[in-house]
Every structure is written in structure tokens, then in C-alpha cells.
Amino acid sequence: VQLVESGGGLVQTGDSLMLSCVASGRPSGRGIMGW
């Protein structure tokens, strides 16, 4: 499994930001993805 994050940056207090993680080669079955 390979994981690639994106979306970080510099923001000010109170701002919003969204991070994304794309998984390639995800195995079958039930698992957990986390930050």
C-alpha cells in the first residue's frame, strides 16, 4: 500500500484546511485509515 498526502500549508488561527490521502494498492478486506 502506498499513501500520498496533499493539502498542507500555512494558515492563520481560525482558518480551515483540508488534507487528502490517496491510497494505491489498497488490500481487500476491512482496515483503518487514519491521520
Full PDB file with SEQRES, HELIX, SHEET, SSBOND, CRYST1, ORIGX, SCALE, CONECT and MASTER records, all heavy atoms in Angstrom:
SEQRES   1 A   35  VAL GLN LEU VAL GLU SER GLY GLY GLY LEU VAL GLN THR          
SEQRES   2 A   35  GLY ASP SER LEU MET LEU SER CYS VAL ALA SER GLY ARG          
SEQRES   3 A   35  PRO SER GLY ARG GLY ILE MET GLY TRP                          
SHEET    1 AA1 2 GLN A   2  SER A   6  0                                        
SHEET    2 AA1 2 SER A  20  SER A  24 -1                                        
CRYST1    1.000    1.000    1.000  90.00  90.00  90.00 P 1           1          
ORIGX1      1.000000  0.000000  0.000000        0.00000                         
ORIGX2      0.000000  1.000000  0.000000        0.00000                         
ORIGX3      0.000000  0.000000  1.000000        0.00000                         
SCALE1      1.000000  0.000000  0.000000        0.00000                         
SCALE2      0.000000  1.000000  0.000000        0.00000                         
SCALE3      0.000000  0.000000  1.000000        0.00000                         
ATOM      1  N   VAL A   1       0.844  -1.188   0.000  1.00  0.00           N  
ATOM      2  CA  VAL A   1       0.000   0.000   0.000  1.00  0.00           C  
ATOM      3  C   VAL A   1       0.883   1.243   0.000  1.00  0.00           C  
ATOM      4  O   VAL A   1       1.834   1.341   0.787  1.00  0.00           O  
ATOM      5  CB  VAL A   1      -0.918   0.014   1.230  1.00  0.00           C  
ATOM      6  CG1 VAL A   1      -1.729   1.309   1.272  1.00  0.00           C  
ATOM      7  CG2 VAL A   1      -1.852  -1.187   1.218  1.00  0.00           C  
ATOM      8  N   GLN A   2       0.585   2.163  -0.870  1.00  0.00           N  
ATOM      9  CA  GLN A   2       1.288   3.446  -0.900  1.00  0.00           C  
ATOM     10  C   GLN A   2       0.300   4.566  -0.613  1.00  0.00           C  
ATOM     11  O   GLN A   2      -0.809   4.576  -1.149  1.00  0.00           O  
ATOM     12  CB  GLN A   2       1.965   3.662  -2.252  1.00  0.00           C  
ATOM     13  CG  GLN A   2       3.105   2.687  -2.515  1.00  0.00           C  
ATOM     14  CD  GLN A   2       3.809   2.965  -3.827  1.00  0.00           C  
ATOM     15  OE1 GLN A   2       3.189   3.348  -4.811  1.00  0.00           O  
ATOM     16  NE2 GLN A   2       5.110   2.785  -3.834  1.00  0.00           N  
ATOM     17  N   LEU A   3       0.712   5.502   0.225  1.00  0.00           N  
ATOM     18  CA  LEU A   3      -0.143   6.612   0.636  1.00  0.00           C  
ATOM     19  C   LEU A   3       0.523   7.923   0.256  1.00  0.00           C  
ATOM     20  O   LEU A   3       1.706   8.121   0.540  1.00  0.00           O  
ATOM     21  CB  LEU A   3      -0.380   6.570   2.140  1.00  0.00           C  
ATOM     22  CG  LEU A   3      -0.924   5.264   2.719  1.00  0.00           C  
ATOM     23  CD1 LEU A   3      -0.966   5.327   4.244  1.00  0.00           C  
ATOM     24  CD2 LEU A   3      -2.302   4.971   2.163  1.00  0.00           C  
ATOM     25  N   VAL A   4      -0.252   8.808  -0.344  1.00  0.00           N  
ATOM     26  CA  VAL A   4       0.270  10.109  -0.747  1.00  0.00           C  
ATOM     27  C   VAL A   4      -0.655  11.190  -0.210  1.00  0.00           C  
ATOM     28  O   VAL A   4      -1.837  11.236  -0.558  1.00  0.00           O  
ATOM     29  CB  VAL A   4       0.382  10.228  -2.276  1.00  0.00           C  
ATOM     30  CG1 VAL A   4       0.898  11.613  -2.655  1.00  0.00           C  
ATOM     31  CG2 VAL A   4       1.309   9.142  -2.824  1.00  0.00           C  
ATOM     32  N   GLU A   5      -0.101  12.067   0.644  1.00  0.00           N  
ATOM     33  CA  GLU A   5      -0.878  13.159   1.225  1.00  0.00           C  
ATOM     34  C   GLU A   5      -0.714  14.424   0.398  1.00  0.00           C  
ATOM     35  O   GLU A   5       0.292  14.618  -0.284  1.00  0.00           O  
ATOM     36  CB  GLU A   5      -0.425  13.470   2.655  1.00  0.00           C  
ATOM     37  CG  GLU A   5      -0.420  12.308   3.605  1.00  0.00           C  
ATOM     38  CD  GLU A   5       0.972  11.798   3.858  1.00  0.00           C  
ATOM     39  OE1 GLU A   5       1.823  11.935   2.962  1.00  0.00           O  
ATOM     40  OE2 GLU A   5       1.223  11.265   4.959  1.00  0.00           O  
ATOM     41  N   SER A   6      -1.694  15.297   0.534  1.00  0.00           N  
ATOM     42  CA  SER A   6      -1.619  16.624  -0.068  1.00  0.00           C  
ATOM     43  C   SER A   6      -2.522  17.558   0.725  1.00  0.00           C  
ATOM     44  O   SER A   6      -3.379  17.097   1.497  1.00  0.00           O  
ATOM     45  CB  SER A   6      -2.049  16.594  -1.531  1.00  0.00           C  
ATOM     46  OG  SER A   6      -3.395  16.169  -1.647  1.00  0.00           O  
ATOM     47  N   GLY A   7      -2.300  18.857   0.545  1.00  0.00           N  
ATOM     48  CA  GLY A   7      -3.214  19.836   1.128  1.00  0.00           C  
ATOM     49  C   GLY A   7      -2.673  20.644   2.287  1.00  0.00           C  
ATOM     50  O   GLY A   7      -3.373  21.512   2.806  1.00  0.00           O  
ATOM     51  N   GLY A   8      -1.460  20.386   2.723  1.00  0.00           N  
ATOM     52  CA  GLY A   8      -0.915  21.170   3.826  1.00  0.00           C  
ATOM     53  C   GLY A   8      -0.625  22.592   3.395  1.00  0.00           C  
ATOM     54  O   GLY A   8      -0.723  22.950   2.222  1.00  0.00           O  
ATOM     55  N   GLY A   9      -0.261  23.426   4.366  1.00  0.00           N  
ATOM     56  CA  GLY A   9       0.074  24.804   4.052  1.00  0.00           C  
ATOM     57  C   GLY A   9       0.142  25.673   5.279  1.00  0.00           C  
ATOM     58  O   GLY A   9       0.080  25.191   6.413  1.00  0.00           O  
ATOM     59  N   LEU A  10       0.255  26.968   5.036  1.00  0.00           N  
ATOM     60  CA  LEU A  10       0.332  27.968   6.103  1.00  0.00           C  
ATOM     61  C   LEU A  10      -0.991  28.727   6.154  1.00  0.00           C  
ATOM     62  O   LEU A  10      -1.425  29.288   5.139  1.00  0.00           O  
ATOM     63  CB  LEU A  10       1.480  28.934   5.816  1.00  0.00           C  
ATOM     64  CG  LEU A  10       1.588  30.168   6.716  1.00  0.00           C  
ATOM     65  CD1 LEU A  10       1.854  29.755   8.159  1.00  0.00           C  
ATOM     66  CD2 LEU A  10       2.687  31.102   6.212  1.00  0.00           C  
ATOM     67  N   VAL A  11      -1.615  28.720   7.322  1.00  0.00           N  
ATOM     68  CA  VAL A  11      -2.888  29.411   7.504  1.00  0.00           C  
ATOM     69  C   VAL A  11      -2.842  30.198   8.809  1.00  0.00           C  
ATOM     70  O   VAL A  11      -1.901  30.060   9.594  1.00  0.00           O  
ATOM     71  CB  VAL A  11      -4.072  28.434   7.525  1.00  0.00           C  
ATOM     72  CG1 VAL A  11      -4.221  27.724   6.186  1.00  0.00           C  
ATOM     73  CG2 VAL A  11      -3.931  27.437   8.663  1.00  0.00           C  
ATOM     74  N   GLN A  12      -3.877  30.986   9.036  1.00  0.00           N  
ATOM     75  CA  GLN A  12      -3.973  31.758  10.268  1.00  0.00           C  
ATOM     76  C   GLN A  12      -4.947  31.098  11.244  1.00  0.00           C  
ATOM     77  O   GLN A  12      -5.769  30.267  10.847  1.00  0.00           O  
ATOM     78  CB  GLN A  12      -4.426  33.181   9.955  1.00  0.00           C  
ATOM     79  CG  GLN A  12      -3.446  33.967   9.111  1.00  0.00           C  
ATOM     80  CD  GLN A  12      -3.893  35.405   8.888  1.00  0.00           C  
ATOM     81  OE1 GLN A  12      -5.077  35.712   8.936  1.00  0.00           O  
ATOM     82  NE2 GLN A  12      -2.928  36.304   8.649  1.00  0.00           N  
ATOM     83  N   THR A  13      -4.832  31.487  12.483  1.00  0.00           N  
ATOM     84  CA  THR A  13      -5.737  30.965  13.501  1.00  0.00           C  
ATOM     85  C   THR A  13      -7.193  31.175  13.092  1.00  0.00           C  
ATOM     86  O   THR A  13      -7.561  32.269  12.672  1.00  0.00           O  
ATOM     87  CB  THR A  13      -5.473  31.658  14.850  1.00  0.00           C  
ATOM     88  OG1 THR A  13      -4.135  31.357  15.275  1.00  0.00           O  
ATOM     89  CG2 THR A  13      -6.441  31.164  15.908  1.00  0.00           C  
ATOM     90  N   GLY A  14      -7.976  30.102  13.207  1.00  0.00           N  
ATOM     91  CA  GLY A  14      -9.378  30.173  12.850  1.00  0.00           C  
ATOM     92  C   GLY A  14      -9.693  29.757  11.431  1.00  0.00           C  
ATOM     93  O   GLY A  14     -10.869  29.551  11.083  1.00  0.00           O  
ATOM     94  N   ASP A  15      -8.666  29.626  10.621  1.00  0.00           N  
ATOM     95  CA  ASP A  15      -8.864  29.219   9.230  1.00  0.00           C  
ATOM     96  C   ASP A  15      -9.146  27.730   9.119  1.00  0.00           C  
ATOM     97  O   ASP A  15      -9.058  26.974  10.101  1.00  0.00           O  
ATOM     98  CB  ASP A  15      -7.631  29.563   8.394  1.00  0.00           C  
ATOM     99  CG  ASP A  15      -7.532  31.037   8.091  1.00  0.00           C  
ATOM    100  OD1 ASP A  15      -8.496  31.776   8.393  1.00  0.00           O  
ATOM    101  OD2 ASP A  15      -6.483  31.462   7.565  1.00  0.00           O  
ATOM    102  N   SER A  16      -9.468  27.311   7.898  1.00  0.00           N  
ATOM    103  CA  SER A  16      -9.725  25.899   7.602  1.00  0.00           C  
ATOM    104  C   SER A  16      -8.733  25.398   6.569  1.00  0.00           C  
ATOM    105  O   SER A  16      -8.174  26.169   5.785  1.00  0.00           O  
ATOM    106  CB  SER A  16     -11.157  25.715   7.069  1.00  0.00           C  
ATOM    107  OG  SER A  16     -12.111  26.102   8.034  1.00  0.00           O  
ATOM    108  N   LEU A  17      -8.564  24.084   6.577  1.00  0.00           N  
ATOM    109  CA  LEU A  17      -7.659  23.434   5.636  1.00  0.00           C  
ATOM    110  C   LEU A  17      -8.145  22.003   5.456  1.00  0.00           C  
ATOM    111  O   LEU A  17      -8.666  21.395   6.394  1.00  0.00           O  
ATOM    112  CB  LEU A  17      -6.238  23.444   6.187  1.00  0.00           C  
ATOM    113  CG  LEU A  17      -5.042  23.371   5.255  1.00  0.00           C  
ATOM    114  CD1 LEU A  17      -5.045  24.528   4.259  1.00  0.00           C  
ATOM    115  CD2 LEU A  17      -3.752  23.376   6.067  1.00  0.00           C  
ATOM    116  N   MET A  18      -7.985  21.476   4.255  1.00  0.00           N  
ATOM    117  CA  MET A  18      -8.369  20.089   4.022  1.00  0.00           C  
ATOM    118  C   MET A  18      -7.168  19.294   3.523  1.00  0.00           C  
ATOM    119  O   MET A  18      -6.507  19.692   2.563  1.00  0.00           O  
ATOM    120  CB  MET A  18      -9.509  19.985   3.011  1.00  0.00           C  
ATOM    121  CG  MET A  18     -10.043  18.564   2.868  1.00  0.00           C  
ATOM    122  SD  MET A  18     -11.502  18.449   1.814  1.00  0.00           S  
ATOM    123  CE  MET A  18     -10.742  18.661   0.199  1.00  0.00           C  
ATOM    124  N   LEU A  19      -6.913  18.190   4.175  1.00  0.00           N  
ATOM    125  CA  LEU A  19      -5.856  17.270   3.758  1.00  0.00           C  
ATOM    126  C   LEU A  19      -6.478  16.075   3.047  1.00  0.00           C  
ATOM    127  O   LEU A  19      -7.567  15.625   3.416  1.00  0.00           O  
ATOM    128  CB  LEU A  19      -5.069  16.776   4.967  1.00  0.00           C  
ATOM    129  CG  LEU A  19      -4.463  17.836   5.886  1.00  0.00           C  
ATOM    130  CD1 LEU A  19      -3.674  17.161   7.004  1.00  0.00           C  
ATOM    131  CD2 LEU A  19      -3.588  18.793   5.117  1.00  0.00           C  
ATOM    132  N   SER A  20      -5.773  15.586   2.050  1.00  0.00           N  
ATOM    133  CA  SER A  20      -6.231  14.403   1.321  1.00  0.00           C  
ATOM    134  C   SER A  20      -5.146  13.343   1.338  1.00  0.00           C  
ATOM    135  O   SER A  20      -3.955  13.659   1.340  1.00  0.00           O  
ATOM    136  CB  SER A  20      -6.584  14.760  -0.121  1.00  0.00           C  
ATOM    137  OG  SER A  20      -7.694  15.624  -0.180  1.00  0.00           O  
ATOM    138  N   CYS A  21      -5.586  12.106   1.302  1.00  0.00           N  
ATOM    139  CA  CYS A  21      -4.656  10.974   1.249  1.00  0.00           C  
ATOM    140  C   CYS A  21      -5.203   9.983   0.232  1.00  0.00           C  
ATOM    141  O   CYS A  21      -6.328   9.488   0.389  1.00  0.00           O  
ATOM    142  CB  CYS A  21      -4.532  10.330   2.625  1.00  0.00           C  
ATOM    143  SG  CYS A  21      -3.537   8.821   2.633  1.00  0.00           S  
ATOM    144  N   VAL A  22      -4.410   9.731  -0.782  1.00  0.00           N  
ATOM    145  CA  VAL A  22      -4.796   8.760  -1.806  1.00  0.00           C  
ATOM    146  C   VAL A  22      -4.009   7.480  -1.587  1.00  0.00           C  
ATOM    147  O   VAL A  22      -2.777   7.513  -1.468  1.00  0.00           O  
ATOM    148  CB  VAL A  22      -4.539   9.306  -3.217  1.00  0.00           C  
ATOM    149  CG1 VAL A  22      -4.938   8.276  -4.262  1.00  0.00           C  
ATOM    150  CG2 VAL A  22      -5.306  10.609  -3.432  1.00  0.00           C  
ATOM    151  N   ALA A  23      -4.723   6.378  -1.530  1.00  0.00           N  
ATOM    152  CA  ALA A  23      -4.098   5.071  -1.311  1.00  0.00           C  
ATOM    153  C   ALA A  23      -4.071   4.282  -2.608  1.00  0.00           C  
ATOM    154  O   ALA A  23      -5.077   4.171  -3.299  1.00  0.00           O  
ATOM    155  CB  ALA A  23      -4.865   4.293  -0.248  1.00  0.00           C  
ATOM    156  N   SER A  24      -2.915   3.745  -2.933  1.00  0.00           N  
ATOM    157  CA  SER A  24      -2.793   2.850  -4.079  1.00  0.00           C  
ATOM    158  C   SER A  24      -2.406   1.473  -3.561  1.00  0.00           C  
ATOM    159  O   SER A  24      -1.732   1.351  -2.539  1.00  0.00           O  
ATOM    160  CB  SER A  24      -1.747   3.355  -5.069  1.00  0.00           C  
ATOM    161  OG  SER A  24      -0.485   3.433  -4.445  1.00  0.00           O  
ATOM    162  N   GLY A  25      -2.871   0.449  -4.265  1.00  0.00           N  
ATOM    163  CA  GLY A  25      -2.554  -0.898  -3.832  1.00  0.00           C  
ATOM    164  C   GLY A  25      -3.255  -1.267  -2.547  1.00  0.00           C  
ATOM    165  O   GLY A  25      -2.742  -2.052  -1.761  1.00  0.00           O  
ATOM    166  N   ARG A  26      -4.446  -0.705  -2.297  1.00  0.00           N  
ATOM    167  CA  ARG A  26      -5.171  -0.972  -1.048  1.00  0.00           C  
ATOM    168  C   ARG A  26      -5.562  -2.429  -0.983  1.00  0.00           C  
ATOM    169  O   ARG A  26      -6.165  -2.960  -1.911  1.00  0.00           O  
ATOM    170  CB  ARG A  26      -6.409  -0.084  -0.973  1.00  0.00           C  
ATOM    171  CG  ARG A  26      -7.179  -0.235   0.316  1.00  0.00           C  
ATOM    172  CD  ARG A  26      -8.214   0.877   0.456  1.00  0.00           C  
ATOM    173  NE  ARG A  26      -9.280   0.774  -0.513  1.00  0.00           N  
ATOM    174  CZ  ARG A  26     -10.397   0.081  -0.329  1.00  0.00           C  
ATOM    175  NH1 ARG A  26     -10.557  -0.597   0.792  1.00  0.00           N  
ATOM    176  NH2 ARG A  26     -11.335   0.060  -1.245  1.00  0.00           N  
ATOM    177  N   PRO A  27      -5.251  -3.108   0.108  1.00  0.00           N  
ATOM    178  CA  PRO A  27      -5.599  -4.516   0.229  1.00  0.00           C  
ATOM    179  C   PRO A  27      -7.096  -4.686   0.421  1.00  0.00           C  
ATOM    180  O   PRO A  27      -7.792  -3.768   0.821  1.00  0.00           O  
ATOM    181  CB  PRO A  27      -4.829  -4.966   1.470  1.00  0.00           C  
ATOM    182  CG  PRO A  27      -4.633  -3.730   2.268  1.00  0.00           C  
ATOM    183  CD  PRO A  27      -4.505  -2.619   1.265  1.00  0.00           C  
ATOM    184  N   SER A  28      -7.585  -5.857   0.123  1.00  0.00           N  
ATOM    185  CA  SER A  28      -9.004  -6.127   0.307  1.00  0.00           C  
ATOM    186  C   SER A  28      -9.288  -6.361   1.776  1.00  0.00           C  
ATOM    187  O   SER A  28      -8.386  -6.487   2.596  1.00  0.00           O  
ATOM    188  CB  SER A  28      -9.406  -7.347  -0.518  1.00  0.00           C  
ATOM    189  OG  SER A  28      -8.641  -8.464  -0.102  1.00  0.00           O  
ATOM    190  N   GLY A  29     -10.576  -6.427   2.106  1.00  0.00           N  
ATOM    191  CA  GLY A  29     -10.942  -6.640   3.498  1.00  0.00           C  
ATOM    192  C   GLY A  29     -11.118  -5.336   4.239  1.00  0.00           C  
ATOM    193  O   GLY A  29     -11.099  -4.248   3.662  1.00  0.00           O  
ATOM    194  N   ARG A  30     -11.298  -5.450   5.545  1.00  0.00           N  
ATOM    195  CA  ARG A  30     -11.583  -4.287   6.377  1.00  0.00           C  
ATOM    196  C   ARG A  30     -10.321  -3.822   7.088  1.00  0.00           C  
ATOM    197  O   ARG A  30      -9.576  -4.638   7.638  1.00  0.00           O  
ATOM    198  CB  ARG A  30     -12.660  -4.652   7.392  1.00  0.00           C  
ATOM    199  CG  ARG A  30     -13.273  -3.467   8.131  1.00  0.00           C  
ATOM    200  CD  ARG A  30     -14.515  -3.934   8.873  1.00  0.00           C  
ATOM    201  NE  ARG A  30     -15.140  -2.913   9.673  1.00  0.00           N  
ATOM    202  CZ  ARG A  30     -16.002  -2.019   9.223  1.00  0.00           C  
ATOM    203  NH1 ARG A  30     -16.322  -2.010   7.956  1.00  0.00           N  
ATOM    204  NH2 ARG A  30     -16.543  -1.136  10.028  1.00  0.00           N  
ATOM    205  N   GLY A  31     -10.090  -2.526   7.049  1.00  0.00           N  
ATOM    206  CA  GLY A  31      -8.926  -1.968   7.727  1.00  0.00           C  
ATOM    207  C   GLY A  31      -9.227  -0.578   8.230  1.00  0.00           C  
ATOM    208  O   GLY A  31     -10.395  -0.189   8.336  1.00  0.00           O  
ATOM    209  N   ILE A  32      -8.206   0.170   8.544  1.00  0.00           N  
ATOM    210  CA  ILE A  32      -8.357   1.523   9.072  1.00  0.00           C  
ATOM    211  C   ILE A  32      -7.400   2.449   8.338  1.00  0.00           C  
ATOM    212  O   ILE A  32      -6.245   2.097   8.096  1.00  0.00           O  
ATOM    213  CB  ILE A  32      -8.034   1.585  10.572  1.00  0.00           C  
ATOM    214  CG1 ILE A  32      -8.932   0.645  11.373  1.00  0.00           C  
ATOM    215  CG2 ILE A  32      -8.206   3.015  11.092  1.00  0.00           C  
ATOM    216  CD1 ILE A  32      -8.590   0.606  12.859  1.00  0.00           C  
ATOM    217  N   MET A  33      -7.893   3.614   7.988  1.00  0.00           N  
ATOM    218  CA  MET A  33      -7.020   4.691   7.510  1.00  0.00           C  
ATOM    219  C   MET A  33      -7.125   5.831   8.507  1.00  0.00           C  
ATOM    220  O   MET A  33      -8.223   6.150   8.969  1.00  0.00           O  
ATOM    221  CB  MET A  33      -7.422   5.156   6.118  1.00  0.00           C  
ATOM    222  CG  MET A  33      -7.075   4.151   5.033  1.00  0.00           C  
ATOM    223  SD  MET A  33      -7.372   4.779   3.370  1.00  0.00           S  
ATOM    224  CE  MET A  33      -6.044   5.974   3.202  1.00  0.00           C  
ATOM    225  N   GLY A  34      -5.991   6.406   8.830  1.00  0.00           N  
ATOM    226  CA  GLY A  34      -6.014   7.437   9.851  1.00  0.00           C  
ATOM    227  C   GLY A  34      -5.035   8.555   9.583  1.00  0.00           C  
ATOM    228  O   GLY A  34      -4.247   8.512   8.625  1.00  0.00           O  
ATOM    229  N   TRP A  35      -5.115   9.567  10.417  1.00  0.00           N  
ATOM    230  CA  TRP A  35      -4.205  10.697  10.371  1.00  0.00           C  
ATOM    231  C   TRP A  35      -3.509  10.827  11.726  1.00  0.00           C  
ATOM    232  O   TRP A  35      -4.150  10.738  12.782  1.00  0.00           O  
ATOM    233  CB  TRP A  35      -4.956  11.984  10.056  1.00  0.00           C  
ATOM    234  CG  TRP A  35      -5.461  12.070   8.657  1.00  0.00           C  
ATOM    235  CD1 TRP A  35      -6.693  11.703   8.200  1.00  0.00           C  
ATOM    236  CD2 TRP A  35      -4.739  12.554   7.521  1.00  0.00           C  
ATOM    237  NE1 TRP A  35      -6.780  11.920   6.852  1.00  0.00           N  
ATOM    238  CE2 TRP A  35      -5.596  12.447   6.403  1.00  0.00           C  
ATOM    239  CE3 TRP A  35      -3.461  13.070   7.321  1.00  0.00           C  
ATOM    240  CZ2 TRP A  35      -5.224  12.845   5.114  1.00  0.00           C  
ATOM    241  CZ3 TRP A  35      -3.084  13.461   6.049  1.00  0.00           C  
ATOM    242  CH2 TRP A  35      -3.955  13.346   4.962  1.00  0.00           C  
TER     243      TRP A  35                                                      
MASTER        0    0    0    0    2    0    0    6  242    1    0    3          
END                                                                             
